[in-house]
N, C-alpha and C. Protein backbone atom coordinates (compact mmCIF):
# COMPACT_ATOMS: atom_id res chain seq x y z
N MET A 1 9.68 -5.52 -50.47
CA MET A 1 8.92 -5.03 -49.36
C MET A 1 9.52 -5.21 -47.82
N LYS A 2 9.50 -4.11 -47.24
CA LYS A 2 10.15 -4.20 -45.86
C LYS A 2 9.56 -5.18 -44.79
N LYS A 3 10.44 -5.56 -44.03
CA LYS A 3 9.86 -6.71 -42.86
C LYS A 3 9.15 -5.90 -41.76
N LYS A 4 8.11 -6.68 -41.13
CA LYS A 4 7.27 -6.10 -40.11
C LYS A 4 7.96 -6.22 -38.80
N LEU A 5 8.11 -5.21 -37.96
CA LEU A 5 8.82 -5.22 -36.82
C LEU A 5 7.85 -4.92 -35.86
N LEU A 6 7.87 -5.78 -34.65
CA LEU A 6 7.13 -5.52 -33.27
C LEU A 6 7.65 -5.56 -32.14
N SER A 7 7.65 -4.79 -31.18
CA SER A 7 8.20 -4.78 -29.90
C SER A 7 7.17 -5.27 -28.95
N LEU A 8 7.90 -6.23 -28.03
CA LEU A 8 6.79 -6.86 -26.94
C LEU A 8 7.39 -6.44 -25.72
N VAL A 9 6.51 -5.55 -25.06
CA VAL A 9 7.04 -5.10 -23.54
C VAL A 9 6.72 -6.11 -22.47
N LEU A 10 7.58 -6.36 -21.61
CA LEU A 10 7.18 -7.12 -20.49
C LEU A 10 7.26 -6.29 -19.22
N ALA A 11 6.21 -6.03 -18.55
CA ALA A 11 5.93 -5.46 -17.45
C ALA A 11 6.59 -6.12 -16.08
N GLY A 12 7.28 -5.53 -15.39
CA GLY A 12 8.01 -6.31 -14.12
C GLY A 12 7.12 -6.37 -12.87
N ALA A 13 5.73 -6.59 -13.08
CA ALA A 13 5.00 -6.60 -11.82
C ALA A 13 5.27 -7.84 -11.10
N MET A 14 5.38 -7.58 -9.77
CA MET A 14 6.00 -8.75 -8.76
C MET A 14 7.06 -9.27 -9.25
N VAL A 15 7.99 -8.47 -10.04
CA VAL A 15 9.28 -9.32 -10.31
C VAL A 15 10.46 -8.62 -9.36
N ALA A 16 10.36 -7.25 -9.07
CA ALA A 16 11.36 -6.59 -8.29
C ALA A 16 11.52 -7.31 -7.09
N SER A 17 12.77 -7.09 -6.19
CA SER A 17 12.81 -7.74 -5.02
C SER A 17 11.75 -7.23 -3.89
N THR A 18 11.37 -8.18 -3.32
CA THR A 18 10.13 -8.02 -2.20
C THR A 18 10.66 -8.12 -0.84
N SER A 19 10.75 -7.18 -0.04
CA SER A 19 11.21 -7.14 1.20
C SER A 19 10.30 -7.59 2.19
N VAL A 20 10.76 -8.21 3.25
CA VAL A 20 10.20 -8.57 4.57
C VAL A 20 9.63 -7.37 5.23
N SER A 21 8.33 -7.44 5.49
CA SER A 21 7.83 -6.32 6.49
C SER A 21 8.32 -6.45 7.91
N ALA A 22 8.26 -5.45 8.77
CA ALA A 22 8.73 -5.77 9.96
C ALA A 22 7.96 -4.77 10.84
N PHE A 23 6.65 -4.93 10.83
CA PHE A 23 5.66 -4.33 11.48
C PHE A 23 4.70 -5.23 12.56
N ALA A 24 4.24 -4.74 13.91
CA ALA A 24 3.40 -5.14 14.45
C ALA A 24 2.12 -5.40 14.15
N THR A 25 1.48 -6.73 14.30
CA THR A 25 0.06 -6.82 13.69
C THR A 25 -0.96 -6.17 14.45
N THR A 26 -0.59 -6.07 16.00
CA THR A 26 -1.73 -5.71 16.67
C THR A 26 -0.95 -4.53 17.55
N ASP A 27 -2.10 -3.77 18.08
CA ASP A 27 -1.66 -2.57 19.12
C ASP A 27 -1.76 -3.10 20.54
N THR A 28 -0.76 -2.48 21.37
CA THR A 28 -0.77 -2.76 22.74
C THR A 28 -1.14 -1.61 23.68
N VAL A 29 -2.12 -1.90 24.38
CA VAL A 29 -2.59 -0.77 25.40
C VAL A 29 -1.78 -0.93 26.53
N VAL A 30 -0.92 0.12 26.79
CA VAL A 30 -0.02 0.22 28.00
C VAL A 30 -0.83 0.59 29.38
N LYS A 31 -0.93 -0.39 30.41
CA LYS A 31 -1.63 0.12 31.53
C LYS A 31 -0.79 -0.34 32.70
N GLU A 32 0.03 -1.44 32.55
CA GLU A 32 0.88 -1.92 33.59
C GLU A 32 2.39 -1.83 33.24
N ASN A 33 3.10 -2.53 34.10
CA ASN A 33 4.62 -2.92 33.91
C ASN A 33 5.33 -1.46 33.90
N ASN A 34 4.85 -0.35 34.60
CA ASN A 34 5.59 0.96 34.67
C ASN A 34 5.45 1.49 33.28
N GLY A 35 4.38 1.30 32.41
CA GLY A 35 4.31 2.09 31.22
C GLY A 35 5.06 1.55 29.89
N THR A 36 5.60 0.19 29.99
CA THR A 36 6.18 -0.15 29.09
C THR A 36 5.62 -1.42 28.22
N ALA A 37 6.16 -1.55 27.03
CA ALA A 37 5.42 -2.46 25.95
C ALA A 37 6.54 -3.11 25.30
N ASN A 38 6.57 -4.46 24.93
CA ASN A 38 7.52 -5.11 24.05
C ASN A 38 7.12 -4.92 22.47
N VAL A 39 7.91 -4.52 21.70
CA VAL A 39 7.55 -4.28 20.32
C VAL A 39 8.60 -5.33 19.52
N GLU A 40 7.98 -6.24 18.90
CA GLU A 40 8.58 -7.17 18.11
C GLU A 40 9.19 -6.63 16.95
N MET A 41 10.59 -6.99 16.58
CA MET A 41 11.08 -6.36 15.36
C MET A 41 11.80 -7.57 14.46
N GLU A 42 11.74 -7.48 13.22
CA GLU A 42 12.32 -8.14 12.27
C GLU A 42 13.33 -7.57 11.28
N GLY A 43 14.37 -8.14 10.79
CA GLY A 43 15.16 -7.41 10.03
C GLY A 43 16.08 -8.43 9.28
N PHE A 44 16.70 -8.03 8.08
CA PHE A 44 17.58 -9.22 7.47
C PHE A 44 18.86 -8.37 6.82
N VAL A 45 19.93 -8.97 6.88
CA VAL A 45 20.91 -8.61 6.19
C VAL A 45 21.45 -9.39 5.04
N TYR A 46 21.74 -8.70 3.89
CA TYR A 46 22.19 -9.49 2.67
C TYR A 46 23.59 -10.25 2.98
N SER A 47 23.80 -11.43 2.40
CA SER A 47 25.17 -12.08 2.63
C SER A 47 26.40 -11.40 1.80
N ASN A 48 27.47 -11.83 1.97
CA ASN A 48 28.57 -11.32 1.46
C ASN A 48 28.35 -11.48 -0.19
N GLY A 49 27.68 -12.35 -0.51
CA GLY A 49 27.59 -12.65 -2.13
C GLY A 49 26.35 -11.78 -2.69
N GLY A 50 25.76 -11.14 -1.75
CA GLY A 50 24.69 -10.24 -2.13
C GLY A 50 23.19 -10.99 -2.23
N ASP A 51 23.03 -12.26 -1.55
CA ASP A 51 21.94 -13.03 -1.71
C ASP A 51 21.03 -12.48 -0.47
N ALA A 52 19.82 -12.35 -0.90
CA ALA A 52 18.65 -11.97 0.14
C ALA A 52 18.44 -13.28 0.90
N PRO A 53 18.14 -13.14 2.02
CA PRO A 53 17.55 -14.49 2.76
C PRO A 53 16.35 -15.09 2.46
N SER A 54 16.22 -16.24 2.77
CA SER A 54 14.91 -17.06 2.39
C SER A 54 13.67 -16.26 2.63
N GLY A 55 12.84 -16.31 1.70
CA GLY A 55 11.60 -15.48 1.90
C GLY A 55 11.33 -14.43 1.12
N THR A 56 12.16 -13.93 0.46
CA THR A 56 12.29 -12.71 -0.61
C THR A 56 12.46 -13.13 -2.05
N ILE A 57 11.98 -12.51 -2.88
CA ILE A 57 11.95 -12.71 -4.34
C ILE A 57 12.83 -11.88 -4.93
N SER A 58 13.76 -12.24 -5.89
CA SER A 58 14.58 -11.38 -6.69
C SER A 58 14.78 -12.21 -8.04
N VAL A 59 14.23 -11.70 -9.05
CA VAL A 59 14.44 -12.28 -10.16
C VAL A 59 14.78 -11.19 -11.27
N SER A 60 15.81 -11.50 -12.06
CA SER A 60 16.04 -10.76 -13.04
C SER A 60 15.43 -10.87 -14.43
N ILE A 61 14.79 -10.01 -15.15
CA ILE A 61 14.00 -10.27 -16.43
C ILE A 61 14.40 -9.13 -17.41
N PRO A 62 14.73 -9.41 -18.35
CA PRO A 62 14.96 -8.37 -19.38
C PRO A 62 13.57 -7.88 -19.96
N THR A 63 13.48 -6.73 -20.27
CA THR A 63 11.99 -6.07 -20.63
C THR A 63 11.50 -5.83 -21.99
N SER A 64 12.12 -6.40 -22.85
CA SER A 64 11.61 -6.39 -24.17
C SER A 64 11.89 -7.74 -25.10
N LEU A 65 10.92 -7.90 -25.93
CA LEU A 65 11.12 -8.89 -26.85
C LEU A 65 10.58 -8.43 -28.21
N GLN A 66 11.10 -9.07 -29.36
CA GLN A 66 10.75 -8.66 -30.49
C GLN A 66 10.41 -9.83 -31.46
N PHE A 67 9.64 -9.43 -32.57
CA PHE A 67 9.55 -10.51 -33.53
C PHE A 67 9.30 -9.66 -35.09
N GLN A 68 9.63 -10.35 -36.10
CA GLN A 68 9.40 -10.02 -37.30
C GLN A 68 8.77 -10.83 -38.32
N VAL A 69 8.12 -10.44 -39.22
CA VAL A 69 7.66 -11.46 -40.23
C VAL A 69 8.29 -10.95 -41.37
N SER A 70 8.78 -11.85 -42.39
CA SER A 70 9.52 -11.41 -43.53
C SER A 70 8.42 -11.50 -44.73
N LYS A 71 8.56 -11.03 -45.77
CA LYS A 71 7.73 -10.90 -47.08
C LYS A 71 7.43 -12.26 -47.51
N GLU A 72 8.05 -13.33 -47.07
CA GLU A 72 7.55 -14.60 -47.27
C GLU A 72 6.81 -15.17 -46.36
N GLY A 73 6.44 -14.58 -45.14
CA GLY A 73 5.42 -14.96 -44.30
C GLY A 73 6.27 -15.73 -43.05
N LYS A 74 7.57 -15.59 -43.03
CA LYS A 74 8.29 -16.40 -41.88
C LYS A 74 8.38 -15.63 -40.68
N LEU A 75 8.05 -15.98 -39.73
CA LEU A 75 8.13 -15.36 -38.33
C LEU A 75 9.22 -15.73 -37.43
N THR A 76 10.05 -14.71 -37.16
CA THR A 76 11.20 -14.92 -36.22
C THR A 76 11.18 -14.01 -34.94
N GLY A 77 11.27 -14.98 -33.82
CA GLY A 77 11.01 -14.31 -32.55
C GLY A 77 12.52 -14.15 -31.77
N THR A 78 12.58 -13.38 -30.85
CA THR A 78 13.62 -13.16 -29.96
C THR A 78 13.37 -13.99 -28.71
N SER A 79 14.49 -14.10 -27.80
CA SER A 79 14.35 -14.71 -26.58
C SER A 79 15.00 -13.79 -25.42
N ILE A 80 14.56 -14.06 -24.20
CA ILE A 80 15.14 -13.38 -22.95
C ILE A 80 15.47 -14.59 -22.03
N ASN A 81 16.45 -14.14 -21.03
CA ASN A 81 16.98 -14.91 -20.14
C ASN A 81 16.67 -14.41 -18.81
N VAL A 82 15.92 -15.23 -18.04
CA VAL A 82 15.62 -14.86 -16.74
C VAL A 82 16.40 -15.73 -15.68
N VAL A 83 16.67 -14.96 -14.65
CA VAL A 83 17.54 -15.65 -13.53
C VAL A 83 17.05 -15.25 -12.17
N ASN A 84 17.10 -16.21 -11.40
CA ASN A 84 16.53 -16.29 -10.07
C ASN A 84 17.61 -16.02 -9.05
N ASN A 85 17.85 -14.68 -8.58
CA ASN A 85 18.77 -14.40 -7.76
C ASN A 85 18.64 -14.78 -6.25
N GLY A 86 17.28 -15.21 -5.77
CA GLY A 86 16.99 -15.43 -4.47
C GLY A 86 17.27 -17.07 -4.26
N LEU A 87 16.90 -17.39 -2.91
CA LEU A 87 17.13 -18.52 -2.37
C LEU A 87 15.94 -19.41 -2.68
N ASP A 88 14.84 -19.04 -2.88
CA ASP A 88 13.75 -20.06 -2.96
C ASP A 88 13.29 -20.18 -4.58
N GLU A 89 12.66 -21.37 -4.61
CA GLU A 89 12.36 -21.94 -6.06
C GLU A 89 11.09 -21.03 -6.40
N VAL A 90 10.94 -20.45 -7.79
CA VAL A 90 10.02 -19.65 -7.90
C VAL A 90 9.48 -20.16 -9.38
N GLU A 91 8.04 -19.75 -9.63
CA GLU A 91 7.49 -19.79 -10.87
C GLU A 91 7.44 -18.60 -11.73
N ILE A 92 7.63 -18.69 -13.05
CA ILE A 92 7.34 -17.52 -13.98
C ILE A 92 6.02 -17.73 -14.56
N VAL A 93 5.00 -17.01 -14.43
CA VAL A 93 3.66 -17.09 -14.94
C VAL A 93 3.41 -15.99 -15.85
N ALA A 94 2.85 -16.43 -17.21
CA ALA A 94 2.49 -15.39 -18.25
C ALA A 94 1.02 -15.02 -17.53
N ASP A 95 1.02 -14.13 -17.17
CA ASP A 95 -0.18 -13.41 -16.30
C ASP A 95 -1.14 -12.49 -17.06
N ASN A 96 -0.73 -11.81 -18.19
CA ASN A 96 -1.68 -10.97 -18.90
C ASN A 96 -0.90 -10.48 -20.33
N PHE A 97 -1.90 -10.44 -21.33
CA PHE A 97 -1.44 -10.14 -22.52
C PHE A 97 -2.27 -9.08 -23.21
N GLU A 98 -1.89 -7.86 -23.54
CA GLU A 98 -2.65 -6.93 -23.94
C GLU A 98 -2.36 -6.25 -25.45
N ASP A 99 -3.23 -6.15 -26.19
CA ASP A 99 -2.93 -5.58 -27.69
C ASP A 99 -3.33 -3.99 -27.54
N ASN A 100 -2.25 -3.28 -27.67
CA ASN A 100 -2.36 -1.77 -27.42
C ASN A 100 -3.29 -1.06 -28.57
N ASN A 101 -3.34 -1.87 -29.69
CA ASN A 101 -4.16 -1.36 -30.66
C ASN A 101 -4.92 -2.58 -31.41
N PRO A 102 -6.07 -2.85 -30.63
CA PRO A 102 -6.88 -4.17 -30.99
C PRO A 102 -7.56 -4.04 -32.38
N ASN A 103 -7.97 -2.75 -32.78
CA ASN A 103 -8.57 -2.69 -34.06
C ASN A 103 -7.82 -2.24 -35.18
N GLY A 104 -6.57 -2.51 -35.05
CA GLY A 104 -5.70 -2.15 -36.16
C GLY A 104 -4.23 -2.98 -36.25
N GLY A 105 -3.43 -2.59 -37.07
CA GLY A 105 -2.14 -3.33 -37.00
C GLY A 105 -2.11 -4.56 -37.12
N ILE A 106 -1.22 -5.29 -36.25
CA ILE A 106 -1.11 -6.76 -36.43
C ILE A 106 -2.12 -7.52 -35.35
N LYS A 107 -2.88 -8.65 -35.96
CA LYS A 107 -3.69 -9.19 -35.30
C LYS A 107 -3.22 -10.52 -34.76
N VAL A 108 -3.07 -10.72 -33.32
CA VAL A 108 -2.62 -11.94 -32.71
C VAL A 108 -3.74 -12.94 -32.45
N LYS A 109 -3.55 -14.04 -33.01
CA LYS A 109 -4.65 -15.11 -32.97
C LYS A 109 -4.21 -16.49 -32.29
N THR A 110 -5.22 -17.23 -31.99
CA THR A 110 -4.69 -18.78 -31.53
C THR A 110 -4.71 -19.44 -32.66
N LYS A 111 -4.01 -20.70 -32.23
CA LYS A 111 -3.87 -21.56 -33.51
C LYS A 111 -5.04 -22.21 -33.99
N GLN A 112 -6.30 -22.03 -33.13
CA GLN A 112 -7.60 -22.48 -33.77
C GLN A 112 -8.16 -21.51 -34.79
N ASP A 113 -7.67 -20.15 -34.55
CA ASP A 113 -8.15 -18.89 -35.52
C ASP A 113 -7.36 -18.91 -36.65
N LEU A 114 -6.13 -19.30 -36.71
CA LEU A 114 -5.34 -19.24 -37.84
C LEU A 114 -4.42 -20.41 -38.10
N GLN A 115 -4.67 -20.98 -39.17
CA GLN A 115 -3.90 -22.22 -39.65
C GLN A 115 -2.90 -21.71 -40.09
N GLU A 116 -1.68 -22.31 -40.09
CA GLU A 116 -0.21 -21.99 -40.67
C GLU A 116 -0.37 -21.82 -42.08
N GLY A 117 -0.01 -20.70 -42.67
CA GLY A 117 -0.19 -20.52 -43.97
C GLY A 117 -1.26 -19.92 -44.78
N SER A 118 -2.47 -19.76 -43.89
CA SER A 118 -3.55 -19.04 -44.06
C SER A 118 -3.45 -17.56 -43.85
N ASP A 119 -4.47 -16.83 -44.53
CA ASP A 119 -4.55 -15.38 -44.22
C ASP A 119 -3.54 -14.67 -44.76
N ASP A 120 -3.46 -13.30 -44.58
CA ASP A 120 -2.43 -12.31 -44.79
C ASP A 120 -1.56 -12.20 -43.90
N ARG A 121 -0.22 -11.63 -44.15
CA ARG A 121 0.93 -11.40 -43.09
C ARG A 121 0.71 -10.78 -41.87
N SER A 122 -0.23 -9.93 -41.99
CA SER A 122 -0.71 -9.14 -40.68
C SER A 122 -1.27 -9.81 -39.44
N ASN A 123 -1.52 -11.21 -39.88
CA ASN A 123 -2.25 -12.25 -38.82
C ASN A 123 -1.15 -13.17 -38.48
N VAL A 124 -0.98 -13.21 -37.07
CA VAL A 124 0.09 -14.03 -36.53
C VAL A 124 -0.48 -14.76 -35.58
N VAL A 125 0.11 -15.84 -35.13
CA VAL A 125 0.11 -16.90 -34.02
C VAL A 125 1.32 -16.59 -33.11
N LEU A 126 1.20 -16.42 -31.81
CA LEU A 126 2.41 -16.09 -30.89
C LEU A 126 2.18 -16.94 -29.56
N TRP A 127 3.45 -17.39 -29.04
CA TRP A 127 3.47 -18.19 -27.96
C TRP A 127 4.91 -17.85 -27.27
N ILE A 128 4.98 -18.02 -25.87
CA ILE A 128 6.19 -18.09 -25.23
C ILE A 128 6.48 -19.31 -24.52
N GLN A 129 7.57 -19.85 -24.57
CA GLN A 129 7.85 -21.19 -23.80
C GLN A 129 9.23 -20.93 -23.21
N GLY A 130 9.18 -21.81 -21.97
CA GLY A 130 10.49 -21.99 -21.17
C GLY A 130 10.53 -23.40 -20.75
N LYS A 131 11.00 -23.73 -19.69
CA LYS A 131 11.06 -25.13 -19.16
C LYS A 131 9.90 -25.75 -18.54
N GLY A 132 8.98 -24.82 -18.54
CA GLY A 132 7.75 -25.38 -18.05
C GLY A 132 6.97 -26.46 -18.85
N GLU A 133 5.93 -27.00 -18.29
CA GLU A 133 5.26 -28.09 -19.11
C GLU A 133 4.28 -27.31 -20.18
N LYS A 134 3.98 -26.18 -20.15
CA LYS A 134 2.98 -25.54 -20.91
C LYS A 134 3.56 -24.36 -21.51
N ASN A 135 3.20 -24.08 -22.85
CA ASN A 135 3.62 -22.80 -23.40
C ASN A 135 2.24 -21.79 -23.22
N ALA A 136 2.55 -20.57 -23.23
CA ALA A 136 1.25 -19.59 -23.03
C ALA A 136 1.26 -18.89 -24.55
N TYR A 137 0.02 -19.08 -24.89
CA TYR A 137 -0.28 -18.36 -26.27
C TYR A 137 -1.01 -17.10 -26.19
N PHE A 138 -1.01 -16.20 -27.10
CA PHE A 138 -1.77 -14.88 -26.75
C PHE A 138 -2.77 -14.72 -27.97
N LYS A 139 -3.54 -13.66 -27.73
CA LYS A 139 -4.66 -13.28 -28.69
C LYS A 139 -5.01 -11.95 -28.34
N SER A 140 -5.05 -11.03 -29.51
CA SER A 140 -5.80 -9.78 -29.44
C SER A 140 -7.05 -10.05 -29.14
N ASP A 141 -7.60 -9.38 -28.04
CA ASP A 141 -9.15 -9.60 -27.63
C ASP A 141 -9.60 -8.32 -27.38
N GLU A 142 -10.69 -7.87 -28.10
CA GLU A 142 -11.60 -6.80 -28.13
C GLU A 142 -12.51 -6.60 -26.94
N ASN A 143 -12.74 -7.83 -26.18
CA ASN A 143 -13.68 -8.11 -25.29
C ASN A 143 -13.15 -7.67 -23.92
N GLY A 144 -11.80 -7.45 -23.71
CA GLY A 144 -11.17 -7.17 -22.31
C GLY A 144 -10.69 -8.33 -21.67
N LYS A 145 -10.74 -9.63 -22.23
CA LYS A 145 -10.12 -10.71 -21.67
C LYS A 145 -8.48 -10.47 -21.41
N ASN A 146 -7.99 -11.44 -20.70
CA ASN A 146 -6.58 -11.14 -20.40
C ASN A 146 -5.64 -11.56 -21.37
N GLY A 147 -6.34 -12.16 -22.72
CA GLY A 147 -5.38 -12.48 -23.73
C GLY A 147 -4.30 -13.55 -23.51
N ILE A 148 -4.40 -14.41 -22.33
CA ILE A 148 -3.39 -15.56 -22.34
C ILE A 148 -4.44 -16.85 -22.64
N TYR A 149 -3.72 -17.69 -23.48
CA TYR A 149 -4.59 -19.06 -23.95
C TYR A 149 -3.69 -20.14 -23.84
N ASN A 150 -4.27 -21.26 -23.69
CA ASN A 150 -3.65 -22.55 -23.81
C ASN A 150 -3.50 -22.90 -25.13
N GLU A 151 -2.73 -24.20 -25.38
CA GLU A 151 -2.72 -24.52 -26.80
C GLU A 151 -4.03 -25.21 -27.40
N GLU A 152 -4.93 -25.29 -26.71
CA GLU A 152 -6.26 -25.99 -27.13
C GLU A 152 -7.04 -24.71 -27.48
N GLY A 153 -6.54 -23.39 -27.19
CA GLY A 153 -7.36 -22.21 -27.59
C GLY A 153 -8.40 -21.69 -26.40
N VAL A 154 -8.17 -22.26 -25.14
CA VAL A 154 -9.01 -21.84 -24.13
C VAL A 154 -8.43 -20.63 -23.31
N ASN A 155 -9.28 -19.74 -23.22
CA ASN A 155 -8.68 -18.61 -22.23
C ASN A 155 -8.31 -19.03 -20.75
N GLN A 156 -7.20 -18.48 -20.17
CA GLN A 156 -6.61 -18.82 -18.93
C GLN A 156 -6.60 -17.75 -18.09
N PRO A 157 -7.61 -17.22 -17.44
CA PRO A 157 -7.71 -15.92 -16.59
C PRO A 157 -6.75 -16.20 -15.55
N GLN A 158 -6.12 -17.14 -15.00
CA GLN A 158 -5.26 -17.21 -13.87
C GLN A 158 -3.72 -17.18 -14.35
N GLY A 159 -3.68 -17.39 -15.88
CA GLY A 159 -2.29 -17.43 -16.34
C GLY A 159 -1.82 -18.61 -16.58
N ILE A 160 -0.60 -18.73 -17.09
CA ILE A 160 0.27 -20.05 -17.36
C ILE A 160 1.63 -20.01 -16.86
N THR A 161 1.89 -20.90 -16.16
CA THR A 161 3.28 -21.19 -15.60
C THR A 161 4.05 -21.70 -16.77
N ILE A 162 5.16 -20.92 -17.24
CA ILE A 162 5.87 -21.26 -18.27
C ILE A 162 7.39 -21.63 -17.89
N SER A 163 7.65 -21.23 -16.70
CA SER A 163 9.00 -21.83 -16.19
C SER A 163 9.11 -22.02 -14.60
N LYS A 164 10.03 -22.69 -14.27
CA LYS A 164 10.20 -22.99 -12.93
C LYS A 164 11.68 -22.74 -12.52
N LEU A 165 12.15 -21.93 -11.78
CA LEU A 165 13.48 -21.68 -11.36
C LEU A 165 13.96 -22.16 -10.07
N SER A 166 14.87 -22.83 -9.82
CA SER A 166 15.52 -23.23 -8.64
C SER A 166 16.02 -22.00 -7.90
N GLY A 167 16.50 -22.14 -6.63
CA GLY A 167 17.02 -21.19 -6.07
C GLY A 167 18.40 -20.82 -6.50
N LYS A 168 18.94 -19.77 -6.12
CA LYS A 168 20.36 -19.18 -6.85
C LYS A 168 21.30 -20.43 -6.77
N ASN A 169 21.34 -21.03 -5.57
CA ASN A 169 22.28 -22.21 -5.37
C ASN A 169 21.90 -23.42 -5.85
N GLY A 170 20.88 -23.58 -6.76
CA GLY A 170 20.36 -24.73 -7.27
C GLY A 170 20.94 -24.91 -8.65
N SER A 171 20.78 -25.88 -9.54
CA SER A 171 21.37 -26.32 -10.63
C SER A 171 20.46 -25.62 -11.80
N SER A 172 19.41 -25.09 -11.58
CA SER A 172 18.53 -24.65 -12.72
C SER A 172 17.99 -23.30 -12.40
N ASN A 173 18.54 -22.35 -11.86
CA ASN A 173 18.05 -21.03 -11.44
C ASN A 173 17.88 -19.88 -12.69
N SER A 174 18.18 -20.45 -13.87
CA SER A 174 17.97 -19.68 -15.07
C SER A 174 17.28 -20.47 -16.12
N ASP A 175 16.59 -19.68 -16.95
CA ASP A 175 16.01 -20.09 -18.03
C ASP A 175 15.89 -19.24 -19.31
N GLU A 176 15.88 -19.80 -20.52
CA GLU A 176 15.60 -18.86 -21.70
C GLU A 176 14.33 -19.02 -22.04
N LEU A 177 13.46 -17.92 -22.10
CA LEU A 177 12.10 -17.77 -22.54
C LEU A 177 12.00 -17.37 -23.89
N GLN A 178 11.57 -18.10 -24.95
CA GLN A 178 11.65 -17.96 -26.20
C GLN A 178 10.06 -17.61 -26.78
N LEU A 179 10.18 -16.46 -27.46
CA LEU A 179 9.04 -16.02 -28.31
C LEU A 179 8.99 -16.82 -29.77
N LYS A 180 7.96 -17.32 -29.93
CA LYS A 180 7.89 -18.24 -31.09
C LYS A 180 6.48 -18.00 -31.76
N GLY A 181 6.34 -18.42 -33.12
CA GLY A 181 4.78 -18.28 -33.72
C GLY A 181 5.10 -18.35 -35.15
N TYR A 182 4.05 -18.16 -35.75
CA TYR A 182 3.94 -18.23 -37.29
C TYR A 182 3.05 -17.25 -37.77
N ALA A 183 3.00 -16.89 -39.10
CA ALA A 183 2.19 -16.05 -39.63
C ALA A 183 1.54 -16.35 -41.06
N GLY A 184 0.58 -15.76 -41.36
CA GLY A 184 -0.10 -15.68 -42.79
C GLY A 184 0.86 -15.61 -43.68
N THR A 185 0.77 -16.12 -44.85
CA THR A 185 1.66 -15.98 -46.01
C THR A 185 1.20 -15.23 -47.19
N GLU A 186 -0.01 -14.84 -47.07
CA GLU A 186 -0.59 -13.94 -48.29
C GLU A 186 -0.17 -12.50 -48.22
N GLU A 187 -0.13 -11.93 -49.19
CA GLU A 187 0.27 -10.45 -49.37
C GLU A 187 -0.78 -9.44 -48.51
N LEU A 188 -0.08 -8.56 -47.92
CA LEU A 188 -0.83 -7.51 -47.24
C LEU A 188 -1.91 -6.74 -48.18
N SER A 189 -3.06 -6.29 -47.71
CA SER A 189 -3.98 -5.58 -48.37
C SER A 189 -3.34 -4.15 -48.82
N ASP A 190 -2.78 -3.76 -47.93
CA ASP A 190 -1.83 -2.34 -48.03
C ASP A 190 -0.30 -2.91 -48.13
N SER A 191 0.35 -2.32 -49.04
CA SER A 191 1.72 -2.73 -49.40
C SER A 191 2.66 -2.26 -48.40
N ASN A 192 2.20 -1.27 -47.39
CA ASN A 192 3.23 -0.65 -46.59
C ASN A 192 3.53 -1.72 -45.29
N ALA A 193 4.75 -1.39 -44.72
CA ALA A 193 5.17 -2.08 -43.64
C ALA A 193 4.33 -1.86 -42.45
N ILE A 194 4.19 -2.72 -41.41
CA ILE A 194 3.29 -2.97 -40.22
C ILE A 194 4.15 -2.81 -39.06
N SER A 195 3.86 -1.97 -38.08
CA SER A 195 4.55 -2.09 -36.72
C SER A 195 3.38 -2.01 -35.76
N ASP A 196 3.40 -2.59 -34.51
CA ASP A 196 2.60 -2.58 -33.49
C ASP A 196 3.16 -2.90 -32.03
N GLN A 197 2.35 -2.70 -30.91
CA GLN A 197 3.14 -2.89 -29.88
C GLN A 197 2.06 -3.67 -28.97
N PHE A 198 2.60 -4.50 -27.94
CA PHE A 198 1.73 -5.12 -27.33
C PHE A 198 2.38 -5.33 -25.81
N THR A 199 1.88 -5.62 -24.94
CA THR A 199 2.25 -5.87 -23.62
C THR A 199 1.97 -7.10 -22.95
N LEU A 200 3.05 -7.65 -22.51
CA LEU A 200 3.11 -9.01 -21.75
C LEU A 200 3.42 -8.96 -20.43
N ARG A 201 2.59 -9.27 -19.38
CA ARG A 201 3.05 -9.05 -17.98
C ARG A 201 3.28 -10.55 -17.56
N LEU A 202 4.51 -10.61 -16.80
CA LEU A 202 5.02 -11.79 -16.31
C LEU A 202 4.88 -11.83 -14.51
N LYS A 203 4.33 -12.73 -13.92
CA LYS A 203 4.38 -12.71 -12.53
C LYS A 203 5.20 -13.62 -11.99
N VAL A 204 5.97 -13.19 -10.98
CA VAL A 204 6.74 -14.32 -10.34
C VAL A 204 6.42 -14.40 -8.83
N LYS A 205 6.16 -15.78 -8.52
CA LYS A 205 5.81 -16.20 -7.27
C LYS A 205 6.52 -17.44 -6.69
N LYS A 206 6.57 -17.59 -5.50
CA LYS A 206 7.23 -18.94 -4.91
C LYS A 206 6.45 -20.15 -5.15
N VAL A 207 7.18 -20.96 -5.44
CA VAL A 207 6.44 -22.44 -5.79
C VAL A 207 5.65 -22.72 -4.48
N GLY A 208 4.51 -23.21 -4.70
CA GLY A 208 3.84 -23.57 -3.47
C GLY A 208 2.94 -22.36 -2.84
N ALA A 209 3.04 -21.17 -3.27
CA ALA A 209 2.57 -20.10 -2.73
C ALA A 209 1.01 -20.04 -3.26
């Protein structure tokens, strides 16, 4: 029997470099001083090494993950390496998880809904982990929830911080985010292999923001 293969796509929302705005916040009505007005301006220049100044976010994140379940029910996931190219410490937050086909294909469940070794191999438990204190678990949800859950099986609408990265000049500005999990071990009701696709959104924000 063929192995099941699934691709997990990571959306780069709030991941690309964020520039500093340089616009006045209020209008000036010119009445005096010979018709002149002062306009405050801001700007920045990248360093010789290509670093953005403090206050900008620049994090490199690969955009795909995969996992496969063997005919014996063993789940194997891949990993991605995230790198902070900016100067500020940032958090990587698992912000949203969506099942693009919630009524079919592979069902993603919480640990509370699927005990290891039970049910058929189209049912899986998935989580992503990094250097953060908590792992983010996923769930196929037909009710429109964001699909991010903690280890206790409680939905987390604000997401879960899975990693913290120092600035580029720090000692821990990169992290390997690992996709892990397990699957049921019983045979499929249909002998054909299954593929499915999900979307995981990662949010990057400055620590303390």
